[in-house]
Amino acid sequence: AVVVMGDLGRSPRMQYHAHALAESGVDVDLVGYKGAPLPKFLTAHPRVAVHRLDEARWRYQASRRSKIVYGVLAVVDALRASGRLLGALMRTPRPDLLLVQTPPSVPTLQVAWLVSRLRGARLVIDWHNLGYSILALRLGRRHLAVRMARWFEQHTGRRAHAHLCVSRGFARFLADRFKIRDVRVLYDRPASAFVPVERTEREQIRQALFSRLEIRGAGAVGFIVCPTSWTADEDFDVVIEAVQYLEDRIRGWEAGHASRRFTDLVILVTGDGNRRAEFERRFAGLPARRVRLRTRWLDPEDYPRIVGSADLGLCLHRSSSGMDIPMK
């Protein structure tokens, strides 16, 4: 059983785990939240069974209220999520192994450990980041809830049978601070679909995309793709400030000579998530003329081709723990 307490369609590393296991002859139950569509290499695989759960989202209603209200609703959401995950894992065929993504660590790790004991399965944790460090972005590192989350993460983590993580620095942290031994580093790498695109096809892909994005008269255009999950540990101010800076620089450079014309720029911010609407509102107020920014969710089959047709890639991820390396 491969477990993601997040949107399955936006969890590529765990998708790759499930696919690799299935390709090696293992029957896989993939458990996670509803949301974005999954790629066909999973949905069409005879050895992969997908189980979608509804996410508990009451805490998001308190995103602009006090920390106390947010904290109470977060606890309620955690209890609701625990029940849903426990029910799903008890209904699936008995697994030999539970491979669990963290974060979120609470209640995912606790429920996974309980199920592993009840059903006689080995528990493997794949550490992508530290859950308490993400919570600290909202509540502050000294908050009681953050310190409790850290304790639960450390205590439950020690009980797993094996561990994967995304960087050597992360492995050292888990050994030194959490006293977790024998952590295996498994670096992210792109799926086989991510390959360079031949020039003619590249232009066709770009023109079709620009038409979908309602970008007219796109001749010589610099195309920048910015994959994001729209989470709290991504710095969208970078893009807002960069657009303002670029507009000023372009106008100043062209003013120096009447025949100068700088290439227009298109920045495509992909993905979907809770902060997307806020970002779109902020960008709508900018006096951008030469930099055209668009936000879109891309289908899994289109995404590798569009990434391959870009001139530049931009990552906004700023690790809350300082140790994870984002796939993007």
C-alpha atoms as a PDB file:
ATOM      1  CA  ALA A   1       0.000   0.000   0.000  1.00  0.00           C
ATOM      2  CA  VAL A   2       1.375   3.411  -1.026  1.00  0.00           C
ATOM      3  CA  VAL A   3      -0.135   6.181   1.104  1.00  0.00           C
ATOM      4  CA  VAL A   4      -0.293   9.928   0.339  1.00  0.00           C
ATOM      5  CA  MET A   5      -2.295  12.208   2.648  1.00  0.00           C
ATOM      6  CA  GLY A   6      -2.370  14.738  -0.165  1.00  0.00           C
ATOM      7  CA  ASP A   7      -3.712  15.062  -3.689  1.00  0.00           C
ATOM      8  CA  LEU A   8      -2.633  11.897  -5.512  1.00  0.00           C
ATOM      9  CA  GLY A   9      -2.519  13.730  -8.839  1.00  0.00           C
ATOM     10  CA  ARG A  10       0.018  16.212  -7.434  1.00  0.00           C
ATOM     11  CA  SER A  11       2.301  13.653  -5.779  1.00  0.00           C
ATOM     12  CA  PRO A  12       4.695  12.592  -8.548  1.00  0.00           C
ATOM     13  CA  ARG A  13       7.321  10.925  -6.344  1.00  0.00           C
ATOM     14  CA  MET A  14       4.735   8.597  -4.801  1.00  0.00           C
ATOM     15  CA  GLN A  15       3.215   7.976  -8.236  1.00  0.00           C
ATOM     16  CA  TYR A  16       6.640   6.821  -9.411  1.00  0.00           C
ATOM     17  CA  HIS A  17       7.006   4.569  -6.361  1.00  0.00           C
ATOM     18  CA  ALA A  18       3.664   2.930  -7.095  1.00  0.00           C
ATOM     19  CA  HIS A  19       4.490   2.479 -10.777  1.00  0.00           C
ATOM     20  CA  ALA A  20       7.950   1.054 -10.062  1.00  0.00           C
ATOM     21  CA  LEU A  21       6.509  -1.450  -7.595  1.00  0.00           C
ATOM     22  CA  ALA A  22       3.772  -2.481 -10.029  1.00  0.00           C
ATOM     23  CA  GLU A  23       6.281  -2.896 -12.858  1.00  0.00           C
ATOM     24  CA  SER A  24       8.334  -5.210 -10.663  1.00  0.00           C
ATOM     25  CA  GLY A  25       5.331  -7.514 -10.190  1.00  0.00           C
ATOM     26  CA  VAL A  26       3.831  -6.148  -6.970  1.00  0.00           C
ATOM     27  CA  ASP A  27       0.104  -5.495  -6.499  1.00  0.00           C
ATOM     28  CA  VAL A  28      -0.241  -1.902  -5.290  1.00  0.00           C
ATOM     29  CA  ASP A  29      -3.070  -0.124  -3.475  1.00  0.00           C
ATOM     30  CA  LEU A  30      -2.525   3.626  -3.965  1.00  0.00           C
ATOM     31  CA  VAL A  31      -4.347   5.615  -1.264  1.00  0.00           C
ATOM     32  CA  GLY A  32      -4.720   9.397  -1.155  1.00  0.00           C
ATOM     33  CA  TYR A  33      -6.947  12.415  -1.621  1.00  0.00           C
ATOM     34  CA  LYS A  34      -9.171  13.223  -4.545  1.00  0.00           C
ATOM     35  CA  GLY A  35      -8.140  16.036  -6.836  1.00  0.00           C
ATOM     36  CA  ALA A  36      -6.070  16.252  -9.986  1.00  0.00           C
ATOM     37  CA  PRO A  37      -6.264  13.377 -12.491  1.00  0.00           C
ATOM     38  CA  LEU A  38      -3.665  10.645 -12.346  1.00  0.00           C
ATOM     39  CA  PRO A  39      -1.451   9.782 -15.339  1.00  0.00           C
ATOM     40  CA  LYS A  40      -2.481   6.881 -17.538  1.00  0.00           C
ATOM     41  CA  PHE A  41       0.587   4.831 -16.601  1.00  0.00           C
ATOM     42  CA  LEU A  42      -1.141   4.355 -13.213  1.00  0.00           C
ATOM     43  CA  THR A  43      -4.842   4.331 -14.024  1.00  0.00           C
ATOM     44  CA  ALA A  44      -4.352   1.798 -16.826  1.00  0.00           C
ATOM     45  CA  HIS A  45      -1.952  -0.473 -14.938  1.00  0.00           C
ATOM     46  CA  PRO A  46      -3.531  -3.841 -14.053  1.00  0.00           C
ATOM     47  CA  ARG A  47      -1.565  -4.107 -10.785  1.00  0.00           C
ATOM     48  CA  VAL A  48      -2.536  -0.661  -9.393  1.00  0.00           C
ATOM     49  CA  ALA A  49      -5.785  -0.073  -7.512  1.00  0.00           C
ATOM     50  CA  VAL A  50      -6.509   3.580  -6.676  1.00  0.00           C
ATOM     51  CA  HIS A  51      -8.447   4.554  -3.535  1.00  0.00           C
ATOM     52  CA  ARG A  52      -9.459   8.233  -3.370  1.00  0.00           C
ATOM     53  CA  LEU A  53     -10.406   9.912  -0.090  1.00  0.00           C
ATOM     54  CA  ASP A  54     -12.154  13.222   0.618  1.00  0.00           C
ATOM     55  CA  GLU A  55      -9.839  15.714   2.293  1.00  0.00           C
ATOM     56  CA  ALA A  56     -10.852  17.248   5.642  1.00  0.00           C
ATOM     57  CA  ARG A  57     -10.683  20.984   4.948  1.00  0.00           C
ATOM     58  CA  TRP A  58     -12.408  22.836   7.789  1.00  0.00           C
ATOM     59  CA  ARG A  59      -9.136  24.504   8.854  1.00  0.00           C
ATOM     60  CA  TYR A  60      -8.934  26.357   5.532  1.00  0.00           C
ATOM     61  CA  GLN A  61     -12.103  28.229   6.476  1.00  0.00           C
ATOM     62  CA  ALA A  62     -10.073  29.790   9.295  1.00  0.00           C
ATOM     63  CA  SER A  63      -7.130  30.823   7.133  1.00  0.00           C
ATOM     64  CA  ARG A  64      -7.779  34.515   7.865  1.00  0.00           C
ATOM     65  CA  ARG A  65      -8.867  34.124  11.439  1.00  0.00           C
ATOM     66  CA  SER A  66      -6.880  33.737  14.649  1.00  0.00           C
ATOM     67  CA  LYS A  67      -4.263  31.071  15.226  1.00  0.00           C
ATOM     68  CA  ILE A  68      -6.452  29.609  17.982  1.00  0.00           C
ATOM     69  CA  VAL A  69      -9.401  29.003  15.646  1.00  0.00           C
ATOM     70  CA  TYR A  70      -7.083  27.620  12.984  1.00  0.00           C
ATOM     71  CA  GLY A  71      -5.445  25.319  15.520  1.00  0.00           C
ATOM     72  CA  VAL A  72      -8.753  23.945  16.823  1.00  0.00           C
ATOM     73  CA  LEU A  73     -10.058  23.247  13.323  1.00  0.00           C
ATOM     74  CA  ALA A  74      -6.726  21.692  12.348  1.00  0.00           C
ATOM     75  CA  VAL A  75      -7.095  19.208  15.229  1.00  0.00           C
ATOM     76  CA  VAL A  76     -10.647  18.399  14.132  1.00  0.00           C
ATOM     77  CA  ASP A  77      -9.473  17.910  10.563  1.00  0.00           C
ATOM     78  CA  ALA A  78      -6.698  15.612  11.773  1.00  0.00           C
ATOM     79  CA  LEU A  79      -9.228  13.438  13.604  1.00  0.00           C
ATOM     80  CA  ARG A  80     -11.502  13.282  10.566  1.00  0.00           C
ATOM     81  CA  ALA A  81      -8.557  12.435   8.307  1.00  0.00           C
ATOM     82  CA  SER A  82      -7.443   9.718  10.745  1.00  0.00           C
ATOM     83  CA  GLY A  83     -10.808   7.991  10.544  1.00  0.00           C
ATOM     84  CA  ARG A  84     -10.918   8.116   6.764  1.00  0.00           C
ATOM     85  CA  LEU A  85      -7.378   6.805   6.333  1.00  0.00           C
ATOM     86  CA  LEU A  86      -7.837   4.082   8.938  1.00  0.00           C
ATOM     87  CA  GLY A  87     -11.036   2.900   7.254  1.00  0.00           C
ATOM     88  CA  ALA A  88      -9.430   2.850   3.805  1.00  0.00           C
ATOM     89  CA  LEU A  89      -6.351   0.900   4.923  1.00  0.00           C
ATOM     90  CA  MET A  90      -8.427  -1.639   6.836  1.00  0.00           C
ATOM     91  CA  ARG A  91     -10.636  -2.266   3.779  1.00  0.00           C
ATOM     92  CA  THR A  92      -7.812  -2.886   1.300  1.00  0.00           C
ATOM     93  CA  PRO A  93      -6.282  -6.354   0.905  1.00  0.00           C
ATOM     94  CA  ARG A  94      -3.784  -6.997   3.721  1.00  0.00           C
ATOM     95  CA  PRO A  95      -0.534  -5.337   2.668  1.00  0.00           C
ATOM     96  CA  ASP A  96       2.922  -6.802   3.205  1.00  0.00           C
ATOM     97  CA  LEU A  97       4.311  -3.277   3.313  1.00  0.00           C
ATOM     98  CA  LEU A  98       3.027   0.246   3.908  1.00  0.00           C
ATOM     99  CA  LEU A  99       5.016   2.960   2.093  1.00  0.00           C
ATOM    100  CA  VAL A 100       3.943   6.317   3.524  1.00  0.00           C
ATOM    101  CA  GLN A 101       4.761   9.862   2.448  1.00  0.00           C
ATOM    102  CA  THR A 102       5.461  12.472   5.080  1.00  0.00           C
ATOM    103  CA  PRO A 103       4.539  15.312   5.441  1.00  0.00           C
ATOM    104  CA  PRO A 104       1.856  15.522   6.510  1.00  0.00           C
ATOM    105  CA  SER A 105       3.131  13.574   9.500  1.00  0.00           C
ATOM    106  CA  VAL A 106       0.109  13.974  11.795  1.00  0.00           C
ATOM    107  CA  PRO A 107      -2.046  11.888  11.645  1.00  0.00           C
ATOM    108  CA  THR A 108      -0.560   9.960   8.691  1.00  0.00           C
ATOM    109  CA  LEU A 109       2.344   8.325  10.507  1.00  0.00           C
ATOM    110  CA  GLN A 110       0.322   7.409  13.581  1.00  0.00           C
ATOM    111  CA  VAL A 111      -2.478   5.772  11.562  1.00  0.00           C
ATOM    112  CA  ALA A 112       0.004   3.980   9.302  1.00  0.00           C
ATOM    113  CA  TRP A 113       1.886   2.614  12.323  1.00  0.00           C
ATOM    114  CA  LEU A 114      -1.363   1.391  13.901  1.00  0.00           C
ATOM    115  CA  VAL A 115      -2.457  -0.341  10.679  1.00  0.00           C
ATOM    116  CA  SER A 116       0.980  -1.912  10.261  1.00  0.00           C
ATOM    117  CA  ARG A 117       0.643  -3.443  13.757  1.00  0.00           C
ATOM    118  CA  LEU A 118      -2.951  -4.572  13.280  1.00  0.00           C
ATOM    119  CA  ARG A 119      -2.343  -6.124   9.863  1.00  0.00           C
ATOM    120  CA  GLY A 120       1.191  -7.405  10.266  1.00  0.00           C
ATOM    121  CA  ALA A 121       2.782  -5.135   7.638  1.00  0.00           C
ATOM    122  CA  ARG A 122       6.194  -3.497   7.526  1.00  0.00           C
ATOM    123  CA  LEU A 123       6.152   0.304   7.671  1.00  0.00           C
ATOM    124  CA  VAL A 124       8.439   2.367   5.431  1.00  0.00           C
ATOM    125  CA  ILE A 125       8.443   6.177   5.657  1.00  0.00           C
ATOM    126  CA  ASP A 126       9.481   8.338   2.698  1.00  0.00           C
ATOM    127  CA  TRP A 127      10.585  11.665   4.201  1.00  0.00           C
ATOM    128  CA  HIS A 128       9.974  14.551   1.774  1.00  0.00           C
ATOM    129  CA  ASN A 129      10.236  17.308   4.391  1.00  0.00           C
ATOM    130  CA  LEU A 130       9.459  17.864   8.071  1.00  0.00           C
ATOM    131  CA  GLY A 131       5.793  18.317   8.891  1.00  0.00           C
ATOM    132  CA  TYR A 132       6.374  20.435  11.982  1.00  0.00           C
ATOM    133  CA  SER A 133       8.526  22.904  10.015  1.00  0.00           C
ATOM    134  CA  ILE A 134       5.658  23.521   7.577  1.00  0.00           C
ATOM    135  CA  LEU A 135       3.256  24.067  10.490  1.00  0.00           C
ATOM    136  CA  ALA A 136       5.776  26.524  11.951  1.00  0.00           C
ATOM    137  CA  LEU A 137       5.422  28.747   8.869  1.00  0.00           C
ATOM    138  CA  ARG A 138       1.911  29.560  10.084  1.00  0.00           C
ATOM    139  CA  LEU A 139       2.151  29.282  13.870  1.00  0.00           C
ATOM    140  CA  GLY A 140       5.810  30.024  14.661  1.00  0.00           C
ATOM    141  CA  ARG A 141       8.464  27.579  15.850  1.00  0.00           C
ATOM    142  CA  ARG A 142       7.770  28.082  19.587  1.00  0.00           C
ATOM    143  CA  HIS A 143       4.046  27.360  19.334  1.00  0.00           C
ATOM    144  CA  LEU A 144       2.860  24.451  21.468  1.00  0.00           C
ATOM    145  CA  ALA A 145       1.194  22.745  18.493  1.00  0.00           C
ATOM    146  CA  VAL A 146       4.467  22.884  16.536  1.00  0.00           C
ATOM    147  CA  ARG A 147       6.448  21.364  19.406  1.00  0.00           C
ATOM    148  CA  MET A 148       3.841  18.624  19.836  1.00  0.00           C
ATOM    149  CA  ALA A 149       3.895  17.905  16.095  1.00  0.00           C
ATOM    150  CA  ARG A 150       7.690  17.574  16.235  1.00  0.00           C
ATOM    151  CA  TRP A 151       7.474  15.122  19.131  1.00  0.00           C
ATOM    152  CA  PHE A 152       4.845  12.982  17.356  1.00  0.00           C
ATOM    153  CA  GLU A 153       6.898  13.035  14.146  1.00  0.00           C
ATOM    154  CA  GLN A 154      10.059  11.945  15.914  1.00  0.00           C
ATOM    155  CA  HIS A 155       8.408   9.345  18.174  1.00  0.00           C
ATOM    156  CA  THR A 156       6.396   7.648  15.422  1.00  0.00           C
ATOM    157  CA  GLY A 157       9.239   7.881  12.927  1.00  0.00           C
ATOM    158  CA  ARG A 158      11.475   5.757  15.168  1.00  0.00           C
ATOM    159  CA  ARG A 159       8.926   2.943  15.071  1.00  0.00           C
ATOM    160  CA  ALA A 160       9.080   2.423  11.308  1.00  0.00           C
ATOM    161  CA  HIS A 161      10.965  -0.550   9.878  1.00  0.00           C
ATOM    162  CA  ALA A 162      12.818   1.431   7.180  1.00  0.00           C
ATOM    163  CA  HIS A 163      13.244   4.960   5.869  1.00  0.00           C
ATOM    164  CA  LEU A 164      13.801   6.799   2.600  1.00  0.00           C
ATOM    165  CA  CYS A 165      14.576  10.497   2.246  1.00  0.00           C
ATOM    166  CA  VAL A 166      15.420  13.006  -0.477  1.00  0.00           C
ATOM    167  CA  SER A 167      18.898  14.308   0.494  1.00  0.00           C
ATOM    168  CA  ARG A 168      22.042  13.392   2.431  1.00  0.00           C
ATOM    169  CA  GLY A 169      21.598  16.409   4.694  1.00  0.00           C
ATOM    170  CA  PHE A 170      18.127  15.158   5.569  1.00  0.00           C
ATOM    171  CA  ALA A 171      19.507  11.699   6.376  1.00  0.00           C
ATOM    172  CA  ARG A 172      22.059  13.263   8.745  1.00  0.00           C
ATOM    173  CA  PHE A 173      19.327  15.286  10.460  1.00  0.00           C
ATOM    174  CA  LEU A 174      17.174  12.199  11.010  1.00  0.00           C
ATOM    175  CA  ALA A 175      20.167  10.346  12.451  1.00  0.00           C
ATOM    176  CA  ASP A 176      21.407  13.182  14.674  1.00  0.00           C
ATOM    177  CA  ARG A 177      18.179  14.819  15.846  1.00  0.00           C
ATOM    178  CA  PHE A 178      15.533  12.099  15.565  1.00  0.00           C
ATOM    179  CA  LYS A 179      17.924   9.183  16.316  1.00  0.00           C
ATOM    180  CA  ILE A 180      16.682   7.296  13.270  1.00  0.00           C
ATOM    181  CA  ARG A 181      19.296   4.980  11.777  1.00  0.00           C
ATOM    182  CA  ASP A 182      19.827   3.395   8.368  1.00  0.00           C
ATOM    183  CA  VAL A 183      18.036   6.048   6.344  1.00  0.00           C
ATOM    184  CA  ARG A 184      18.457   5.436   2.603  1.00  0.00           C
ATOM    185  CA  VAL A 185      18.782   8.494   0.351  1.00  0.00           C
ATOM    186  CA  LEU A 186      16.668   8.158  -2.792  1.00  0.00           C
ATOM    187  CA  TYR A 187      17.072  11.204  -4.987  1.00  0.00           C
ATOM    188  CA  ASP A 188      14.201  12.473  -7.089  1.00  0.00           C
ATOM    189  CA  ARG A 189      14.635  12.203 -10.814  1.00  0.00           C
ATOM    190  CA  PRO A 190      12.275  12.939 -13.695  1.00  0.00           C
ATOM    191  CA  ALA A 191      10.118  10.259 -15.260  1.00  0.00           C
ATOM    192  CA  SER A 192      11.091   8.903 -18.670  1.00  0.00           C
ATOM    193  CA  ALA A 193       8.472  11.165 -20.299  1.00  0.00           C
ATOM    194  CA  PHE A 194      10.618  14.229 -19.570  1.00  0.00           C
ATOM    195  CA  VAL A 195      12.924  14.427 -22.589  1.00  0.00           C
ATOM    196  CA  PRO A 196      14.184  17.225 -24.874  1.00  0.00           C
ATOM    197  CA  VAL A 197      11.696  18.246 -27.571  1.00  0.00           C
ATOM    198  CA  GLU A 198      12.806  18.540 -31.211  1.00  0.00           C
ATOM    199  CA  ARG A 199      12.733  22.129 -32.530  1.00  0.00           C
ATOM    200  CA  THR A 200       9.817  21.829 -34.995  1.00  0.00           C
ATOM    201  CA  GLU A 201       7.609  20.016 -32.478  1.00  0.00           C
ATOM    202  CA  ARG A 202       8.692  22.504 -29.831  1.00  0.00           C
ATOM    203  CA  GLU A 203       7.340  25.433 -31.840  1.00  0.00           C
ATOM    204  CA  GLN A 204       4.084  23.583 -32.510  1.00  0.00           C
ATOM    205  CA  ILE A 205       3.619  22.856 -28.816  1.00  0.00           C
ATOM    206  CA  ARG A 206       4.296  26.481 -27.884  1.00  0.00           C
ATOM    207  CA  GLN A 207       1.929  27.960 -30.453  1.00  0.00           C
ATOM    208  CA  ALA A 208      -0.856  25.594 -29.421  1.00  0.00           C
ATOM    209  CA  LEU A 209      -0.256  26.463 -25.767  1.00  0.00           C
ATOM    210  CA  PHE A 210      -0.176  30.231 -26.397  1.00  0.00           C
ATOM    211  CA  SER A 211      -3.488  29.928 -28.231  1.00  0.00           C
ATOM    212  CA  ARG A 212      -5.004  28.138 -25.210  1.00  0.00           C
ATOM    213  CA  LEU A 213      -3.601  30.840 -22.924  1.00  0.00           C
ATOM    214  CA  GLU A 214      -5.164  33.558 -25.127  1.00  0.00           C
ATOM    215  CA  ILE A 215      -1.789  35.098 -25.954  1.00  0.00           C
ATOM    216  CA  ARG A 216      -2.161  36.798 -29.330  1.00  0.00           C
ATOM    217  CA  GLY A 217       0.531  37.813 -31.783  1.00  0.00           C
ATOM    218  CA  ALA A 218       3.187  35.698 -30.109  1.00  0.00           C
ATOM    219  CA  GLY A 219       6.169  35.797 -32.449  1.00  0.00           C
ATOM    220  CA  ALA A 220       9.598  35.620 -30.846  1.00  0.00           C
ATOM    221  CA  VAL A 221       8.699  34.895 -27.242  1.00  0.00           C
ATOM    222  CA  GLY A 222      10.772  33.837 -24.269  1.00  0.00           C
ATOM    223  CA  PHE A 223       8.837  31.059 -22.531  1.00  0.00           C
ATOM    224  CA  ILE A 224       9.404  30.393 -18.822  1.00  0.00           C
ATOM    225  CA  VAL A 225       7.641  27.543 -17.015  1.00  0.00           C
ATOM    226  CA  CYS A 226       7.238  27.643 -13.241  1.00  0.00           C
ATOM    227  CA  PRO A 227       5.886  24.414 -11.694  1.00  0.00           C
ATOM    228  CA  THR A 228       4.359  24.919  -8.265  1.00  0.00           C
ATOM    229  CA  SER A 229       2.111  23.260  -5.718  1.00  0.00           C
ATOM    230  CA  TRP A 230       0.847  26.617  -4.398  1.00  0.00           C
ATOM    231  CA  THR A 231       1.938  25.821  -0.844  1.00  0.00           C
ATOM    232  CA  ALA A 232       3.174  27.962   2.040  1.00  0.00           C
ATOM    233  CA  ASP A 233       6.834  27.095   1.426  1.00  0.00           C
ATOM    234  CA  GLU A 234       6.871  28.630  -2.059  1.00  0.00           C
ATOM    235  CA  ASP A 235       7.847  32.282  -2.457  1.00  0.00           C
ATOM    236  CA  PHE A 236       5.460  33.885  -4.937  1.00  0.00           C
ATOM    237  CA  ASP A 237       6.767  37.358  -4.085  1.00  0.00           C
ATOM    238  CA  VAL A 238       9.792  36.445  -6.223  1.00  0.00           C
ATOM    239  CA  VAL A 239       7.629  36.358  -9.365  1.00  0.00           C
ATOM    240  CA  ILE A 240       5.676  39.514  -8.519  1.00  0.00           C
ATOM    241  CA  GLU A 241       8.874  41.476  -7.861  1.00  0.00           C
ATOM    242  CA  ALA A 242      10.605  40.003 -10.934  1.00  0.00           C
ATOM    243  CA  VAL A 243       7.791  41.076 -13.271  1.00  0.00           C
ATOM    244  CA  GLN A 244       7.981  44.659 -12.011  1.00  0.00           C
ATOM    245  CA  TYR A 245      11.779  44.653 -12.314  1.00  0.00           C
ATOM    246  CA  LEU A 246      11.720  43.174 -15.837  1.00  0.00           C
ATOM    247  CA  GLU A 247       9.151  45.684 -17.079  1.00  0.00           C
ATOM    248  CA  ASP A 248      11.377  48.554 -15.916  1.00  0.00           C
ATOM    249  CA  ARG A 249      14.536  47.008 -17.375  1.00  0.00           C
ATOM    250  CA  ILE A 250      12.912  46.290 -20.760  1.00  0.00           C
ATOM    251  CA  ARG A 251      11.556  49.834 -21.092  1.00  0.00           C
ATOM    252  CA  GLY A 252      14.916  51.325 -20.091  1.00  0.00           C
ATOM    253  CA  TRP A 253      16.875  49.156 -22.542  1.00  0.00           C
ATOM    254  CA  GLU A 254      14.552  49.936 -25.454  1.00  0.00           C
ATOM    255  CA  ALA A 255      14.578  53.668 -24.681  1.00  0.00           C
ATOM    256  CA  GLY A 256      18.333  53.739 -25.336  1.00  0.00           C
ATOM    257  CA  HIS A 257      17.851  53.093 -29.073  1.00  0.00           C
ATOM    258  CA  ALA A 258      14.789  53.643 -31.254  1.00  0.00           C
ATOM    259  CA  SER A 259      15.201  50.334 -33.159  1.00  0.00           C
ATOM    260  CA  ARG A 260      15.565  48.151 -30.099  1.00  0.00           C
ATOM    261  CA  ARG A 261      12.806  45.654 -29.341  1.00  0.00           C
ATOM    262  CA  PHE A 262      13.182  43.172 -26.508  1.00  0.00           C
ATOM    263  CA  THR A 263      11.526  39.761 -26.765  1.00  0.00           C
ATOM    264  CA  ASP A 264       8.189  39.482 -24.994  1.00  0.00           C
ATOM    265  CA  LEU A 265       8.119  37.036 -22.097  1.00  0.00           C
ATOM    266  CA  VAL A 266       5.477  34.477 -21.146  1.00  0.00           C
ATOM    267  CA  ILE A 267       5.623  32.991 -17.643  1.00  0.00           C
ATOM    268  CA  LEU A 268       3.387  29.971 -17.081  1.00  0.00           C
ATOM    269  CA  VAL A 269       2.831  29.054 -13.427  1.00  0.00           C
ATOM    270  CA  THR A 270       1.475  25.508 -13.416  1.00  0.00           C
ATOM    271  CA  GLY A 271      -0.373  23.441 -10.859  1.00  0.00           C
ATOM    272  CA  ASP A 272      -3.285  24.138  -8.569  1.00  0.00           C
ATOM    273  CA  GLY A 273      -3.686  24.781  -4.870  1.00  0.00           C
ATOM    274  CA  ASN A 274      -4.981  26.971  -2.070  1.00  0.00           C
ATOM    275  CA  ARG A 275      -2.845  30.059  -2.818  1.00  0.00           C
ATOM    276  CA  ARG A 276      -3.492  30.274  -6.552  1.00  0.00           C
ATOM    277  CA  ALA A 277      -6.460  32.690  -6.349  1.00  0.00           C
ATOM    278  CA  GLU A 278      -4.518  35.050  -4.056  1.00  0.00           C
ATOM    279  CA  PHE A 279      -1.581  35.112  -6.487  1.00  0.00           C
ATOM    280  CA  GLU A 280      -3.846  35.779  -9.491  1.00  0.00           C
ATOM    281  CA  ARG A 281      -5.450  38.737  -7.676  1.00  0.00           C
ATOM    282  CA  ARG A 282      -2.057  40.235  -6.877  1.00  0.00           C
ATOM    283  CA  PHE A 283      -0.752  39.872 -10.406  1.00  0.00           C
ATOM    284  CA  ALA A 284      -3.918  41.388 -11.904  1.00  0.00           C
ATOM    285  CA  GLY A 285      -2.988  44.691 -10.240  1.00  0.00           C
ATOM    286  CA  LEU A 286       0.445  44.928 -11.869  1.00  0.00           C
ATOM    287  CA  PRO A 287       1.024  47.245 -14.864  1.00  0.00           C
ATOM    288  CA  ALA A 288       2.570  44.384 -16.897  1.00  0.00           C
ATOM    289  CA  ARG A 289       2.736  44.885 -20.675  1.00  0.00           C
ATOM    290  CA  ARG A 290       5.763  42.974 -21.897  1.00  0.00           C
ATOM    291  CA  VAL A 291       5.652  40.124 -19.405  1.00  0.00           C
ATOM    292  CA  ARG A 292       2.542  38.008 -19.742  1.00  0.00           C
ATOM    293  CA  LEU A 293       1.876  35.708 -16.828  1.00  0.00           C
ATOM    294  CA  ARG A 294      -0.647  32.878 -16.862  1.00  0.00           C
ATOM    295  CA  THR A 295      -1.670  30.211 -14.350  1.00  0.00           C
ATOM    296  CA  ARG A 296      -2.924  26.818 -15.507  1.00  0.00           C
ATOM    297  CA  TRP A 297      -3.317  23.235 -14.416  1.00  0.00           C
ATOM    298  CA  LEU A 298      -1.763  20.990 -17.087  1.00  0.00           C
ATOM    299  CA  ASP A 299      -2.920  17.436 -17.782  1.00  0.00           C
ATOM    300  CA  PRO A 300      -0.313  14.795 -16.834  1.00  0.00           C
ATOM    301  CA  GLU A 301       0.159  13.832 -20.487  1.00  0.00           C
ATOM    302  CA  ASP A 302       0.680  17.475 -21.617  1.00  0.00           C
ATOM    303  CA  TYR A 303       2.925  18.535 -18.750  1.00  0.00           C
ATOM    304  CA  PRO A 304       6.233  16.863 -19.821  1.00  0.00           C
ATOM    305  CA  ARG A 305       5.913  18.182 -23.399  1.00  0.00           C
ATOM    306  CA  ILE A 306       5.249  21.750 -22.243  1.00  0.00           C
ATOM    307  CA  VAL A 307       8.127  21.652 -19.751  1.00  0.00           C
ATOM    308  CA  GLY A 308      10.345  20.386 -22.580  1.00  0.00           C
ATOM    309  CA  SER A 309       9.335  23.275 -24.833  1.00  0.00           C
ATOM    310  CA  ALA A 310      10.259  26.042 -22.361  1.00  0.00           C
ATOM    311  CA  ASP A 311      13.394  28.208 -22.532  1.00  0.00           C
ATOM    312  CA  LEU A 312      13.791  28.424 -18.765  1.00  0.00           C
ATOM    313  CA  GLY A 313      12.458  26.693 -15.665  1.00  0.00           C
ATOM    314  CA  LEU A 314      11.772  28.580 -12.446  1.00  0.00           C
ATOM    315  CA  CYS A 315      11.343  26.989  -9.006  1.00  0.00           C
ATOM    316  CA  LEU A 316       9.882  29.034  -6.143  1.00  0.00           C
ATOM    317  CA  HIS A 317      10.298  26.371  -3.467  1.00  0.00           C
ATOM    318  CA  ARG A 318      12.000  27.481  -0.268  1.00  0.00           C
ATOM    319  CA  SER A 319      12.341  24.502   2.009  1.00  0.00           C
ATOM    320  CA  SER A 320      10.721  25.035   5.401  1.00  0.00           C
ATOM    321  CA  SER A 321      13.232  22.590   6.907  1.00  0.00           C
ATOM    322  CA  GLY A 322      16.220  23.626   4.777  1.00  0.00           C
ATOM    323  CA  MET A 323      16.896  19.989   3.887  1.00  0.00           C
ATOM    324  CA  ASP A 324      14.493  18.766   1.245  1.00  0.00           C
ATOM    325  CA  ILE A 325      15.284  19.059  -2.468  1.00  0.00           C
ATOM    326  CA  PRO A 326      12.131  19.658  -4.511  1.00  0.00           C
ATOM    327  CA  MET A 327      11.648  17.472  -7.579  1.00  0.00           C
ATOM    328  CA  LYS A 328      11.029  20.565  -9.682  1.00  0.00           C
END
